[in-house]
């Protein structure tokens, strides 16, 4: 099971441009990076490979991983950003 969060934002058009662009961000949380041996001066991770929410969206348990029990902030965050620009202008012929 993958937990994805998608944020859609419409950028305000700048003064020089008449077209607005749409930015699509896809956020994925990868492996857990919590150091369980930090208290004794070592380094040991639990091996959790991907964040899986333990509760429904909108609840506090949504931020806890069902596999390892850690908070989502301990998992590596991967953000993919894509900017979509509507091409409504006619192509120029070099004239």
PDB file of N, CA and C in Angstrom:
ATOM      1  N   UNK A   1       0.838  -1.178   0.000  1.00  0.00           N
ATOM      2  CA  UNK A   1       0.000   0.000   0.000  1.00  0.00           C
ATOM      3  C   UNK A   1       0.879   1.234   0.000  1.00  0.00           C
ATOM      4  N   UNK A   2       0.638   2.146  -0.892  1.00  0.00           N
ATOM      5  CA  UNK A   2       1.386   3.396  -0.970  1.00  0.00           C
ATOM      6  C   UNK A   2       0.537   4.539  -0.461  1.00  0.00           C
ATOM      7  N   UNK A   3       1.168   5.427   0.256  1.00  0.00           N
ATOM      8  CA  UNK A   3       0.486   6.614   0.741  1.00  0.00           C
ATOM      9  C   UNK A   3       1.036   7.787  -0.040  1.00  0.00           C
ATOM     10  N   UNK A   4       0.202   8.461  -0.796  1.00  0.00           N
ATOM     11  CA  UNK A   4       0.626   9.603  -1.602  1.00  0.00           C
ATOM     12  C   UNK A   4      -0.178  10.816  -1.240  1.00  0.00           C
ATOM     13  N   UNK A   5       0.506  11.916  -1.291  1.00  0.00           N
ATOM     14  CA  UNK A   5      -0.155  13.187  -1.052  1.00  0.00           C
ATOM     15  C   UNK A   5       0.124  14.052  -2.261  1.00  0.00           C
ATOM     16  N   UNK A   6      -0.910  14.567  -2.886  1.00  0.00           N
ATOM     17  CA  UNK A   6      -0.759  15.393  -4.078  1.00  0.00           C
ATOM     18  C   UNK A   6      -1.255  16.793  -3.753  1.00  0.00           C
ATOM     19  N   UNK A   7      -0.429  17.769  -4.057  1.00  0.00           N
ATOM     20  CA  UNK A   7      -0.772  19.169  -3.807  1.00  0.00           C
ATOM     21  C   UNK A   7      -0.848  19.872  -5.152  1.00  0.00           C
ATOM     22  N   UNK A   8      -1.978  20.488  -5.444  1.00  0.00           N
ATOM     23  CA  UNK A   8      -2.148  21.229  -6.690  1.00  0.00           C
ATOM     24  C   UNK A   8      -2.181  22.709  -6.362  1.00  0.00           C
ATOM     25  N   UNK A   9      -1.367  23.477  -7.086  1.00  0.00           N
ATOM     26  CA  UNK A   9      -1.353  24.926  -6.889  1.00  0.00           C
ATOM     27  C   UNK A   9      -1.385  25.604  -8.251  1.00  0.00           C
ATOM     28  N   UNK A  10      -2.164  26.639  -8.351  1.00  0.00           N
ATOM     29  CA  UNK A  10      -2.182  27.431  -9.571  1.00  0.00           C
ATOM     30  C   UNK A  10      -1.408  28.703  -9.286  1.00  0.00           C
ATOM     31  N   UNK A  11      -0.352  28.902 -10.052  1.00  0.00           N
ATOM     32  CA  UNK A  11       0.467  30.102  -9.891  1.00  0.00           C
ATOM     33  C   UNK A  11      -0.241  31.294 -10.509  1.00  0.00           C
ATOM     34  N   UNK A  12      -0.125  32.420  -9.843  1.00  0.00           N
ATOM     35  CA  UNK A  12      -0.695  33.647 -10.377  1.00  0.00           C
ATOM     36  C   UNK A  12       0.120  34.077 -11.588  1.00  0.00           C
ATOM     37  N   UNK A  13      -0.522  34.560 -12.628  1.00  0.00           N
ATOM     38  CA  UNK A  13       0.230  34.994 -13.808  1.00  0.00           C
ATOM     39  C   UNK A  13       1.092  36.211 -13.477  1.00  0.00           C
ATOM     40  N   UNK A  14       2.285  36.218 -14.014  1.00  0.00           N
ATOM     41  CA  UNK A  14       3.168  37.362 -13.793  1.00  0.00           C
ATOM     42  C   UNK A  14       2.725  38.511 -14.693  1.00  0.00           C
ATOM     43  N   UNK A  15       3.332  39.669 -14.480  1.00  0.00           N
ATOM     44  CA  UNK A  15       2.944  40.843 -15.263  1.00  0.00           C
ATOM     45  C   UNK A  15       3.365  40.717 -16.723  1.00  0.00           C
ATOM     46  N   UNK A  16       4.443  39.974 -16.961  1.00  0.00           N
ATOM     47  CA  UNK A  16       4.946  39.831 -18.331  1.00  0.00           C
ATOM     48  C   UNK A  16       4.241  38.716 -19.101  1.00  0.00           C
ATOM     49  N   UNK A  17       3.628  37.806 -18.401  1.00  0.00           N
ATOM     50  CA  UNK A  17       3.031  36.651 -19.056  1.00  0.00           C
ATOM     51  C   UNK A  17       1.519  36.692 -18.912  1.00  0.00           C
ATOM     52  N   UNK A  18       0.826  36.241 -19.947  1.00  0.00           N
ATOM     53  CA  UNK A  18      -0.627  36.186 -19.879  1.00  0.00           C
ATOM     54  C   UNK A  18      -1.101  34.785 -19.542  1.00  0.00           C
ATOM     55  N   UNK A  19      -0.212  33.779 -19.630  1.00  0.00           N
ATOM     56  CA  UNK A  19      -0.582  32.399 -19.344  1.00  0.00           C
ATOM     57  C   UNK A  19      -0.281  32.072 -17.888  1.00  0.00           C
ATOM     58  N   UNK A  20      -1.141  31.285 -17.260  1.00  0.00           N
ATOM     59  CA  UNK A  20      -0.862  30.800 -15.914  1.00  0.00           C
ATOM     60  C   UNK A  20      -0.357  29.365 -16.040  1.00  0.00           C
ATOM     61  N   UNK A  21       0.414  28.937 -15.047  1.00  0.00           N
ATOM     62  CA  UNK A  21       0.931  27.580 -15.080  1.00  0.00           C
ATOM     63  C   UNK A  21       0.382  26.810 -13.894  1.00  0.00           C
ATOM     64  N   UNK A  22       0.373  25.519 -14.010  1.00  0.00           N
ATOM     65  CA  UNK A  22      -0.124  24.644 -12.971  1.00  0.00           C
ATOM     66  C   UNK A  22       1.037  23.792 -12.481  1.00  0.00           C
ATOM     67  N   UNK A  23       1.319  23.837 -11.182  1.00  0.00           N
ATOM     68  CA  UNK A  23       2.399  23.063 -10.598  1.00  0.00           C
ATOM     69  C   UNK A  23       1.799  21.866  -9.878  1.00  0.00           C
ATOM     70  N   UNK A  24       2.248  20.672 -10.238  1.00  0.00           N
ATOM     71  CA  UNK A  24       1.763  19.452  -9.611  1.00  0.00           C
ATOM     72  C   UNK A  24       2.910  18.856  -8.819  1.00  0.00           C
ATOM     73  N   UNK A  25       2.685  18.658  -7.525  1.00  0.00           N
ATOM     74  CA  UNK A  25       3.706  18.068  -6.671  1.00  0.00           C
ATOM     75  C   UNK A  25       3.194  16.745  -6.139  1.00  0.00           C
ATOM     76  N   UNK A  26       4.005  15.719  -6.304  1.00  0.00           N
ATOM     77  CA  UNK A  26       3.685  14.408  -5.783  1.00  0.00           C
ATOM     78  C   UNK A  26       4.692  14.106  -4.679  1.00  0.00           C
ATOM     79  N   UNK A  27       4.204  13.840  -3.468  1.00  0.00           N
ATOM     80  CA  UNK A  27       5.067  13.587  -2.323  1.00  0.00           C
ATOM     81  C   UNK A  27       4.954  12.115  -1.952  1.00  0.00           C
ATOM     82  N   UNK A  28       6.099  11.466  -1.801  1.00  0.00           N
ATOM     83  CA  UNK A  28       6.163  10.061  -1.407  1.00  0.00           C
ATOM     84  C   UNK A  28       7.146   9.949  -0.261  1.00  0.00           C
ATOM     85  N   UNK A  29       6.864   9.109   0.699  1.00  0.00           N
ATOM     86  CA  UNK A  29       7.753   8.907   1.834  1.00  0.00           C
ATOM     87  C   UNK A  29       8.381   7.521   1.716  1.00  0.00           C
ATOM     88  N   UNK A  30       9.704   7.489   1.658  1.00  0.00           N
ATOM     89  CA  UNK A  30      10.452   6.251   1.458  1.00  0.00           C
ATOM     90  C   UNK A  30      10.856   5.592   2.762  1.00  0.00           C
ATOM     91  N   UNK A  31      12.061   5.049   2.775  1.00  0.00           N
ATOM     92  CA  UNK A  31      12.518   4.255   3.912  1.00  0.00           C
ATOM     93  C   UNK A  31      12.705   5.078   5.181  1.00  0.00           C
ATOM     94  N   UNK A  32      12.571   4.393   6.318  1.00  0.00           N
ATOM     95  CA  UNK A  32      12.706   5.037   7.622  1.00  0.00           C
ATOM     96  C   UNK A  32      14.184   5.265   7.913  1.00  0.00           C
ATOM     97  N   UNK A  33      14.516   6.452   8.404  1.00  0.00           N
ATOM     98  CA  UNK A  33      15.900   6.791   8.702  1.00  0.00           C
ATOM     99  C   UNK A  33      16.130   7.057  10.184  1.00  0.00           C
ATOM    100  N   UNK A  34      15.205   6.603  11.030  1.00  0.00           N
ATOM    101  CA  UNK A  34      15.353   6.826  12.466  1.00  0.00           C
ATOM    102  C   UNK A  34      16.503   5.976  13.004  1.00  0.00           C
ATOM    103  N   UNK A  35      17.406   6.617  13.732  1.00  0.00           N
ATOM    104  CA  UNK A  35      18.548   5.927  14.318  1.00  0.00           C
ATOM    105  C   UNK A  35      18.154   5.426  15.706  1.00  0.00           C
ATOM    106  N   UNK A  36      17.915   4.125  15.818  1.00  0.00           N
ATOM    107  CA  UNK A  36      17.475   3.541  17.078  1.00  0.00           C
ATOM    108  C   UNK A  36      18.611   3.376  18.080  1.00  0.00           C
ATOM    109  N   UNK A  37      19.853   3.442  17.637  1.00  0.00           N
ATOM    110  CA  UNK A  37      21.006   3.261  18.525  1.00  0.00           C
ATOM    111  C   UNK A  37      21.698   4.581  18.851  1.00  0.00           C
ATOM    112  N   UNK A  38      21.050   5.695  18.635  1.00  0.00           N
ATOM    113  CA  UNK A  38      21.673   6.997  18.884  1.00  0.00           C
ATOM    114  C   UNK A  38      21.994   7.189  20.362  1.00  0.00           C
ATOM    115  N   UNK A  39      21.199   6.609  21.245  1.00  0.00           N
ATOM    116  CA  UNK A  39      21.412   6.764  22.680  1.00  0.00           C
ATOM    117  C   UNK A  39      22.691   6.115  23.179  1.00  0.00           C
ATOM    118  N   UNK A  40      23.180   5.108  22.470  1.00  0.00           N
ATOM    119  CA  UNK A  40      24.415   4.424  22.881  1.00  0.00           C
ATOM    120  C   UNK A  40      25.584   4.747  21.958  1.00  0.00           C
ATOM    121  N   UNK A  41      25.392   5.719  21.098  1.00  0.00           N
ATOM    122  CA  UNK A  41      26.468   6.167  20.221  1.00  0.00           C
ATOM    123  C   UNK A  41      26.647   5.350  18.964  1.00  0.00           C
ATOM    124  N   UNK A  42      25.685   4.529  18.604  1.00  0.00           N
ATOM    125  CA  UNK A  42      25.778   3.711  17.400  1.00  0.00           C
ATOM    126  C   UNK A  42      24.838   4.189  16.317  1.00  0.00           C
ATOM    127  N   UNK A  43      24.690   3.358  15.296  1.00  0.00           N
ATOM    128  CA  UNK A  43      23.761   3.674  14.202  1.00  0.00           C
ATOM    129  C   UNK A  43      23.072   2.379  13.789  1.00  0.00           C
ATOM    130  N   UNK A  44      21.765   2.344  13.952  1.00  0.00           N
ATOM    131  CA  UNK A  44      20.975   1.178  13.558  1.00  0.00           C
ATOM    132  C   UNK A  44      19.594   1.656  13.128  1.00  0.00           C
ATOM    133  N   UNK A  45      19.180   1.227  11.950  1.00  0.00           N
ATOM    134  CA  UNK A  45      17.840   1.545  11.452  1.00  0.00           C
ATOM    135  C   UNK A  45      17.025   0.260  11.461  1.00  0.00           C
ATOM    136  N   UNK A  46      15.695   0.404  11.431  1.00  0.00           N
ATOM    137  CA  UNK A  46      14.838  -0.773  11.564  1.00  0.00           C
ATOM    138  C   UNK A  46      14.563  -1.507  10.257  1.00  0.00           C
ATOM    139  N   UNK A  47      14.895  -0.942   9.125  1.00  0.00           N
ATOM    140  CA  UNK A  47      14.707  -1.621   7.846  1.00  0.00           C
ATOM    141  C   UNK A  47      13.368  -1.391   7.186  1.00  0.00           C
ATOM    142  N   UNK A  48      12.549  -0.505   7.733  1.00  0.00           N
ATOM    143  CA  UNK A  48      11.263  -0.188   7.118  1.00  0.00           C
ATOM    144  C   UNK A  48      11.528   0.470   5.775  1.00  0.00           C
ATOM    145  N   UNK A  49      10.985  -0.074   4.714  1.00  0.00           N
ATOM    146  CA  UNK A  49      11.309   0.370   3.362  1.00  0.00           C
ATOM    147  C   UNK A  49      10.396   1.470   2.824  1.00  0.00           C
ATOM    148  N   UNK A  50       9.180   1.611   3.366  1.00  0.00           N
ATOM    149  CA  UNK A  50       8.260   2.615   2.847  1.00  0.00           C
ATOM    150  C   UNK A  50       7.233   2.975   3.919  1.00  0.00           C
ATOM    151  N   UNK A  51       6.856   4.239   3.969  1.00  0.00           N
ATOM    152  CA  UNK A  51       5.858   4.699   4.922  1.00  0.00           C
ATOM    153  C   UNK A  51       4.476   4.208   4.518  1.00  0.00           C
ATOM    154  N   UNK A  52       3.759   3.641   5.479  1.00  0.00           N
ATOM    155  CA  UNK A  52       2.369   3.233   5.283  1.00  0.00           C
ATOM    156  C   UNK A  52       1.569   3.829   6.438  1.00  0.00           C
ATOM    157  N   UNK A  53       0.601   4.647   6.136  1.00  0.00           N
ATOM    158  CA  UNK A  53      -0.202   5.295   7.181  1.00  0.00           C
ATOM    159  C   UNK A  53      -0.991   4.253   7.961  1.00  0.00           C
ATOM    160  N   UNK A  54      -1.017   4.410   9.289  1.00  0.00           N
ATOM    161  CA  UNK A  54      -1.732   3.433  10.104  1.00  0.00           C
ATOM    162  C   UNK A  54      -3.187   3.818  10.336  1.00  0.00           C
ATOM    163  N   UNK A  55      -3.578   5.045   9.972  1.00  0.00           N
ATOM    164  CA  UNK A  55      -4.962   5.482  10.172  1.00  0.00           C
ATOM    165  C   UNK A  55      -5.523   6.159   8.942  1.00  0.00           C
ATOM    166  N   UNK A  56      -6.759   6.564   9.059  1.00  0.00           N
ATOM    167  CA  UNK A  56      -7.451   7.233   7.964  1.00  0.00           C
ATOM    168  C   UNK A  56      -6.979   8.672   7.830  1.00  0.00           C
ATOM    169  N   UNK A  57      -7.174   9.243   6.648  1.00  0.00           N
ATOM    170  CA  UNK A  57      -6.804  10.634   6.390  1.00  0.00           C
ATOM    171  C   UNK A  57      -7.618  11.558   7.282  1.00  0.00           C
ATOM    172  N   UNK A  58      -6.925  12.525   7.888  1.00  0.00           N
ATOM    173  CA  UNK A  58      -7.578  13.474   8.769  1.00  0.00           C
ATOM    174  C   UNK A  58      -7.472  13.111  10.240  1.00  0.00           C
ATOM    175  N   UNK A  59      -6.945  11.933  10.561  1.00  0.00           N
ATOM    176  CA  UNK A  59      -6.764  11.536  11.957  1.00  0.00           C
ATOM    177  C   UNK A  59      -5.300  11.676  12.344  1.00  0.00           C
ATOM    178  N   UNK A  60      -5.021  11.675  13.640  1.00  0.00           N
ATOM    179  CA  UNK A  60      -3.628  11.805  14.087  1.00  0.00           C
ATOM    180  C   UNK A  60      -2.820  10.552  13.785  1.00  0.00           C
ATOM    181  N   UNK A  61      -3.463   9.395  13.669  1.00  0.00           N
ATOM    182  CA  UNK A  61      -2.736   8.163  13.368  1.00  0.00           C
ATOM    183  C   UNK A  61      -2.324   8.085  11.900  1.00  0.00           C
ATOM    184  N   UNK A  62      -2.759   9.039  11.091  1.00  0.00           N
ATOM    185  CA  UNK A  62      -2.351   9.100   9.687  1.00  0.00           C
ATOM    186  C   UNK A  62      -0.847   9.363   9.573  1.00  0.00           C
ATOM    187  N   UNK A  63      -0.257   9.992  10.579  1.00  0.00           N
ATOM    188  CA  UNK A  63       1.151  10.365  10.550  1.00  0.00           C
ATOM    189  C   UNK A  63       2.067   9.297  11.132  1.00  0.00           C
ATOM    190  N   UNK A  64       1.516   8.182  11.605  1.00  0.00           N
ATOM    191  CA  UNK A  64       2.303   7.103  12.190  1.00  0.00           C
ATOM    192  C   UNK A  64       2.392   5.963  11.185  1.00  0.00           C
ATOM    193  N   UNK A  65       3.604   5.416  11.014  1.00  0.00           N
ATOM    194  CA  UNK A  65       3.825   4.321  10.065  1.00  0.00           C
ATOM    195  C   UNK A  65       3.298   3.011  10.655  1.00  0.00           C
ATOM    196  N   UNK A  66       2.517   2.282   9.890  1.00  0.00           N
ATOM    197  CA  UNK A  66       1.968   1.013  10.338  1.00  0.00           C
ATOM    198  C   UNK A  66       3.047  -0.059  10.419  1.00  0.00           C
ATOM    199  N   UNK A  67       4.092   0.058   9.626  1.00  0.00           N
ATOM    200  CA  UNK A  67       5.132  -0.963   9.597  1.00  0.00           C
ATOM    201  C   UNK A  67       6.123  -0.842  10.747  1.00  0.00           C
ATOM    202  N   UNK A  68       6.577   0.383  11.043  1.00  0.00           N
ATOM    203  CA  UNK A  68       7.633   0.539  12.048  1.00  0.00           C
ATOM    204  C   UNK A  68       7.207   1.315  13.287  1.00  0.00           C
ATOM    205  N   UNK A  69       6.079   2.014  13.241  1.00  0.00           N
ATOM    206  CA  UNK A  69       5.584   2.754  14.393  1.00  0.00           C
ATOM    207  C   UNK A  69       6.188   4.139  14.550  1.00  0.00           C
ATOM    208  N   UNK A  70       7.038   4.563  13.631  1.00  0.00           N
ATOM    209  CA  UNK A  70       7.677   5.880  13.694  1.00  0.00           C
ATOM    210  C   UNK A  70       6.759   6.948  13.097  1.00  0.00           C
ATOM    211  N   UNK A  71       7.047   8.202  13.435  1.00  0.00           N
ATOM    212  CA  UNK A  71       6.345   9.332  12.831  1.00  0.00           C
ATOM    213  C   UNK A  71       6.800   9.473  11.381  1.00  0.00           C
ATOM    214  N   UNK A  72       5.954  10.038  10.554  1.00  0.00           N
ATOM    215  CA  UNK A  72       6.252  10.195   9.129  1.00  0.00           C
ATOM    216  C   UNK A  72       7.509  11.022   8.882  1.00  0.00           C
ATOM    217  N   UNK A  73       7.855  11.944   9.791  1.00  0.00           N
ATOM    218  CA  UNK A  73       9.035  12.787   9.608  1.00  0.00           C
ATOM    219  C   UNK A  73      10.338  12.005   9.592  1.00  0.00           C
ATOM    220  N   UNK A  74      10.364  10.780  10.129  1.00  0.00           N
ATOM    221  CA  UNK A  74      11.571   9.976  10.108  1.00  0.00           C
ATOM    222  C   UNK A  74      11.800   9.310   8.753  1.00  0.00           C
ATOM    223  N   UNK A  75      10.814   9.316   7.899  1.00  0.00           N
ATOM    224  CA  UNK A  75      10.921   8.679   6.587  1.00  0.00           C
ATOM    225  C   UNK A  75      11.443   9.679   5.556  1.00  0.00           C
ATOM    226  N   UNK A  76      12.263   9.184   4.642  1.00  0.00           N
ATOM    227  CA  UNK A  76      12.852  10.031   3.607  1.00  0.00           C
ATOM    228  C   UNK A  76      11.747  10.542   2.697  1.00  0.00           C
ATOM    229  N   UNK A  77      11.727  11.860   2.505  1.00  0.00           N
ATOM    230  CA  UNK A  77      10.684  12.506   1.702  1.00  0.00           C
ATOM    231  C   UNK A  77      11.174  12.679   0.273  1.00  0.00           C
ATOM    232  N   UNK A  78      10.375  12.238  -0.679  1.00  0.00           N
ATOM    233  CA  UNK A  78      10.688  12.380  -2.103  1.00  0.00           C
ATOM    234  C   UNK A  78       9.593  13.231  -2.732  1.00  0.00           C
ATOM    235  N   UNK A  79       9.997  14.347  -3.324  1.00  0.00           N
ATOM    236  CA  UNK A  79       9.034  15.263  -3.950  1.00  0.00           C
ATOM    237  C   UNK A  79       9.309  15.308  -5.437  1.00  0.00           C
ATOM    238  N   UNK A  80       8.283  15.046  -6.225  1.00  0.00           N
ATOM    239  CA  UNK A  80       8.369  15.195  -7.671  1.00  0.00           C
ATOM    240  C   UNK A  80       7.523  16.402  -8.049  1.00  0.00           C
ATOM    241  N   UNK A  81       8.125  17.357  -8.730  1.00  0.00           N
ATOM    242  CA  UNK A  81       7.417  18.572  -9.132  1.00  0.00           C
ATOM    243  C   UNK A  81       7.332  18.624 -10.643  1.00  0.00           C
ATOM    244  N   UNK A  82       6.143  18.895 -11.140  1.00  0.00           N
ATOM    245  CA  UNK A  82       5.931  19.008 -12.586  1.00  0.00           C
ATOM    246  C   UNK A  82       5.176  20.302 -12.838  1.00  0.00           C
ATOM    247  N   UNK A  83       5.673  21.107 -13.744  1.00  0.00           N
ATOM    248  CA  UNK A  83       5.015  22.367 -14.089  1.00  0.00           C
ATOM    249  C   UNK A  83       4.348  22.185 -15.447  1.00  0.00           C
ATOM    250  N   UNK A  84       3.051  22.380 -15.458  1.00  0.00           N
ATOM    251  CA  UNK A  84       2.278  22.263 -16.691  1.00  0.00           C
ATOM    252  C   UNK A  84       1.914  23.653 -17.164  1.00  0.00           C
ATOM    253  N   UNK A  85       2.265  23.957 -18.383  1.00  0.00           N
ATOM    254  CA  UNK A  85       1.998  25.280 -18.937  1.00  0.00           C
ATOM    255  C   UNK A  85       1.072  25.125 -20.144  1.00  0.00           C
ATOM    256  N   UNK A  86      -0.083  25.733 -20.103  1.00  0.00           N
ATOM    257  CA  UNK A  86      -0.965  25.651 -21.266  1.00  0.00           C
ATOM    258  C   UNK A  86      -0.373  26.427 -22.436  1.00  0.00           C
ATOM    259  N   UNK A  87      -0.255  25.791 -23.549  1.00  0.00           N
ATOM    260  CA  UNK A  87       0.327  26.422 -24.737  1.00  0.00           C
ATOM    261  C   UNK A  87      -0.799  26.919 -25.637  1.00  0.00           C
ATOM    262  N   UNK A  88      -1.352  28.063 -25.292  1.00  0.00           N
ATOM    263  CA  UNK A  88      -2.470  28.603 -26.069  1.00  0.00           C
ATOM    264  C   UNK A  88      -2.014  29.543 -27.173  1.00  0.00           C
ATOM    265  N   UNK A  89      -0.728  29.946 -27.123  1.00  0.00           N
ATOM    266  CA  UNK A  89      -0.236  30.866 -28.143  1.00  0.00           C
ATOM    267  C   UNK A  89       0.120  30.093 -29.419  1.00  0.00           C
ATOM    268  N   UNK A  90      -0.020  30.753 -30.537  1.00  0.00           N
ATOM    269  CA  UNK A  90       0.295  30.130 -31.825  1.00  0.00           C
ATOM    270  C   UNK A  90       1.803  30.025 -31.994  1.00  0.00           C
ATOM    271  N   UNK A  91       2.275  28.920 -32.598  1.00  0.00           N
ATOM    272  CA  UNK A  91       3.715  28.782 -32.805  1.00  0.00           C
ATOM    273  C   UNK A  91       4.231  29.835 -33.787  1.00  0.00           C
ATOM    274  N   UNK A  92       5.440  30.334 -33.513  1.00  0.00           N
ATOM    275  CA  UNK A  92       5.996  31.353 -34.402  1.00  0.00           C
ATOM    276  C   UNK A  92       6.756  30.693 -35.534  1.00  0.00           C
ATOM    277  N   UNK A  93       6.717  31.324 -36.704  1.00  0.00           N
ATOM    278  CA  UNK A  93       7.421  30.814 -37.883  1.00  0.00           C
ATOM    279  C   UNK A  93       8.750  31.498 -38.105  1.00  0.00           C
ATOM    280  N   UNK A  94       9.203  32.279 -37.147  1.00  0.00           N
ATOM    281  CA  UNK A  94      10.479  32.977 -37.299  1.00  0.00           C
ATOM    282  C   UNK A  94      10.340  34.279 -38.047  1.00  0.00           C
ATOM    283  N   UNK A  95       9.140  34.764 -38.265  1.00  0.00           N
ATOM    284  CA  UNK A  95       8.931  36.015 -39.011  1.00  0.00           C
ATOM    285  C   UNK A  95       8.655  37.142 -38.090  1.00  0.00           C
TER     286      UNK A  95
END
